[in-house]
Amino acid sequence: MLSESVKYYTYIVRCSDGTLYTGYTNDLDNRMKVHNSGRGAKYTRSRLPVELVYHEEFATKEEAMSREWHLKRLSRESKEKLISATEC
C-alpha cells in the first residue's frame, strides 16, 4: 500500500491587531481553521481573525520546529521583510 508522505509547515499569521504569530503544523488548512475558530493557540484566541501571510514546507517535524524556533527569534522588521519578499 502506498502512503502519501506527511509534510510539515512553519507558518506566520497576522492577527487582527496587527501582531504576528509563528507556529508549525502538519495540516496548514486545518490549522488556519482551528486558529480562526478560537480553538487555536492561546495567543491568537483574542486576536481573531488571523490571516496566513507566510509559510514554508518541510519533510520532517524536526525541520519545521527548528525553523519555527529561528523565526520566533527574528525581529518584527525581519519577519515583515521575509513576508514581503514572498508576496506576489
Protein backbone atom coordinates (compact mmCIF):
# COMPACT_ATOMS: atom_id res chain seq x y z
CA MET A 1 0.00 0.00 0.00
CA LEU A 2 1.38 3.38 -0.96
CA SER A 3 1.04 6.13 1.59
CA GLU A 4 1.29 9.81 0.96
CA SER A 5 4.24 11.33 2.79
CA VAL A 6 3.36 13.76 5.53
CA LYS A 7 4.52 17.34 5.04
CA TYR A 8 5.19 19.80 7.81
CA TYR A 9 4.86 23.55 7.69
CA THR A 10 6.20 26.52 9.56
CA TYR A 11 3.89 29.49 9.22
CA ILE A 12 3.30 33.09 10.22
CA VAL A 13 -0.17 34.58 10.65
CA ARG A 14 -1.11 38.22 11.02
CA CYS A 15 -3.62 38.71 13.81
CA SER A 16 -6.44 41.26 13.70
CA ASP A 17 -4.44 43.61 15.96
CA GLY A 18 -1.52 43.53 13.51
CA THR A 19 0.73 41.28 15.59
CA LEU A 20 2.42 38.23 14.13
CA TYR A 21 2.21 34.66 15.41
CA THR A 22 4.56 31.87 14.31
CA GLY A 23 3.84 28.14 14.55
CA TYR A 24 4.23 24.76 12.88
CA THR A 25 1.77 22.09 11.78
CA ASN A 26 1.31 19.08 9.51
CA ASP A 27 -2.03 20.34 8.15
CA LEU A 28 -1.90 24.02 7.24
CA ASP A 29 -5.50 24.40 6.05
CA ASN A 30 -6.92 22.76 9.15
CA ARG A 31 -4.61 24.75 11.43
CA MET A 32 -5.92 28.02 9.98
CA LYS A 33 -9.49 26.84 10.56
CA VAL A 34 -8.64 25.91 14.15
CA HIS A 35 -6.98 29.29 14.78
CA ASN A 36 -9.94 31.19 13.36
CA SER A 37 -12.47 29.11 15.29
CA GLY A 38 -10.93 30.29 18.56
CA ARG A 39 -9.57 26.86 19.42
CA GLY A 40 -6.01 27.55 18.28
CA ALA A 41 -3.14 28.95 20.26
CA LYS A 42 -3.97 30.94 23.36
CA TYR A 43 -2.20 33.96 21.84
CA THR A 44 -4.43 34.08 18.76
CA ARG A 45 -7.76 33.42 20.52
CA SER A 46 -8.28 37.06 21.46
CA ARG A 47 -6.84 38.40 18.20
CA LEU A 48 -9.20 36.90 15.62
CA PRO A 49 -9.39 36.63 12.75
CA VAL A 50 -5.89 35.61 11.71
CA GLU A 51 -4.59 35.63 8.15
CA LEU A 52 -1.88 33.33 6.81
CA VAL A 53 0.88 35.59 5.46
CA TYR A 54 3.87 33.22 5.19
CA HIS A 55 4.65 29.51 5.19
CA GLU A 56 7.44 27.08 4.38
CA GLU A 57 7.18 23.33 3.74
CA PHE A 58 9.45 20.67 5.28
CA ALA A 59 9.85 16.91 5.07
CA THR A 60 10.20 16.38 8.84
CA LYS A 61 8.64 17.70 12.01
CA GLU A 62 12.10 18.43 13.40
CA GLU A 63 12.95 20.71 10.46
CA ALA A 64 9.66 22.61 10.82
CA MET A 65 10.12 23.01 14.57
CA SER A 66 13.69 24.21 14.10
CA ARG A 67 12.61 26.80 11.54
CA GLU A 68 9.81 27.94 13.87
CA TRP A 69 12.37 28.41 16.66
CA HIS A 70 14.57 30.51 14.37
CA LEU A 71 11.68 32.61 13.03
CA LYS A 72 10.44 33.38 16.54
CA ARG A 73 13.81 34.92 17.31
CA LEU A 74 13.72 37.32 14.37
CA SER A 75 12.78 40.93 14.92
CA ARG A 76 9.39 42.08 13.69
CA GLU A 77 11.17 44.07 10.98
CA SER A 78 12.96 40.94 9.76
CA LYS A 79 9.72 38.96 9.74
CA GLU A 80 7.97 41.71 7.74
CA LYS A 81 10.82 41.66 5.19
CA LEU A 82 10.51 37.89 4.89
CA ILE A 83 6.75 38.17 4.40
CA SER A 84 7.14 40.97 1.82
CA ALA A 85 9.76 39.02 -0.12
CA THR A 86 7.32 36.15 -0.70
CA GLU A 87 4.26 38.20 -1.68
CA CYS A 88 3.29 38.20 -5.33
